[in-house]
C-alpha atoms as a PDB file:
ATOM      1  CA  MET A   1     129.526 209.079 -71.342  1.00  0.00           C
ATOM      2  CA  LEU A   2     125.897 209.785 -70.848  1.00  0.00           C
ATOM      3  CA  PRO A   3     124.125 209.011 -67.706  1.00  0.00           C
ATOM      4  CA  GLU A   4     122.285 205.891 -67.864  1.00  0.00           C
ATOM      5  CA  PRO A   5     118.764 207.316 -68.305  1.00  0.00           C
ATOM      6  CA  GLN A   6     119.877 209.455 -71.264  1.00  0.00           C
ATOM      7  CA  ASN A   7     121.953 206.556 -72.661  1.00  0.00           C
ATOM      8  CA  GLU A   8     118.924 204.240 -72.645  1.00  0.00           C
ATOM      9  CA  ALA A   9     116.792 207.078 -74.221  1.00  0.00           C
ATOM     10  CA  PHE A  10     119.338 207.552 -77.044  1.00  0.00           C
ATOM     11  CA  ASN A  11     119.413 203.757 -77.645  1.00  0.00           C
ATOM     12  CA  ARG A  12     115.815 203.554 -78.114  1.00  0.00           C
ATOM     13  CA  PHE A  13     115.798 206.591 -80.391  1.00  0.00           C
ATOM     14  CA  TYR A  14     118.782 205.182 -82.419  1.00  0.00           C
ATOM     15  CA  LYS A  15     117.331 201.765 -82.716  1.00  0.00           C
ATOM     16  CA  ALA A  16     113.867 203.371 -83.941  1.00  0.00           C
ATOM     17  CA  ALA A  17     115.653 205.311 -86.617  1.00  0.00           C
ATOM     18  CA  ARG A  18     118.057 202.407 -87.690  1.00  0.00           C
ATOM     19  CA  PHE A  19     115.536 199.545 -87.545  1.00  0.00           C
ATOM     20  CA  ASN A  20     112.491 200.970 -89.330  1.00  0.00           C
ATOM     21  CA  ASP A  21     109.758 199.611 -91.412  1.00  0.00           C
ATOM     22  CA  VAL A  22     109.415 202.689 -93.617  1.00  0.00           C
ATOM     23  CA  LEU A  23     112.595 202.425 -95.545  1.00  0.00           C
ATOM     24  CA  ASP A  24     114.504 199.564 -97.010  1.00  0.00           C
ATOM     25  CA  PRO A  25     117.821 198.708 -94.970  1.00  0.00           C
ATOM     26  CA  LYS A  26     120.123 200.049 -97.788  1.00  0.00           C
ATOM     27  CA  THR A  27     118.383 203.500 -98.049  1.00  0.00           C
ATOM     28  CA  THR A  28     118.340 203.861 -93.874  1.00  0.00           C
ATOM     29  CA  LEU A  29     122.110 203.004 -93.910  1.00  0.00           C
ATOM     30  CA  LEU A  30     122.977 205.346 -96.671  1.00  0.00           C
ATOM     31  CA  ILE A  31     120.771 208.278 -94.857  1.00  0.00           C
ATOM     32  CA  HIS A  32     122.860 207.268 -91.616  1.00  0.00           C
ATOM     33  CA  LEU A  33     126.230 207.589 -93.534  1.00  0.00           C
ATOM     34  CA  ALA A  34     125.298 210.944 -95.166  1.00  0.00           C
ATOM     35  CA  THR A  35     124.201 212.352 -91.925  1.00  0.00           C
ATOM     36  CA  ALA A  36     127.198 211.482 -89.930  1.00  0.00           C
ATOM     37  CA  MET A  37     129.440 212.748 -92.849  1.00  0.00           C
ATOM     38  CA  SER A  38     127.364 216.071 -93.090  1.00  0.00           C
ATOM     39  CA  ALA A  39     128.220 216.497 -89.374  1.00  0.00           C
ATOM     40  CA  ALA A  40     132.060 215.904 -89.720  1.00  0.00           C
ATOM     41  CA  CYS A  41     131.744 212.630 -88.100  1.00  0.00           C
ATOM     42  CA  TYR A  42     133.230 210.374 -90.639  1.00  0.00           C
ATOM     43  CA  PRO A  43     132.731 206.500 -90.156  1.00  0.00           C
END
């Protein structure tokens, strides 16, 4: 568990990466899944 300030910073970062206006939602989701799997963090 992260301390509250770091948790809030991570959540802001995650939301900016997940809900962006650059890539379409399907591409963004596939990148998230591929990144998690490459780090051995299987969904």
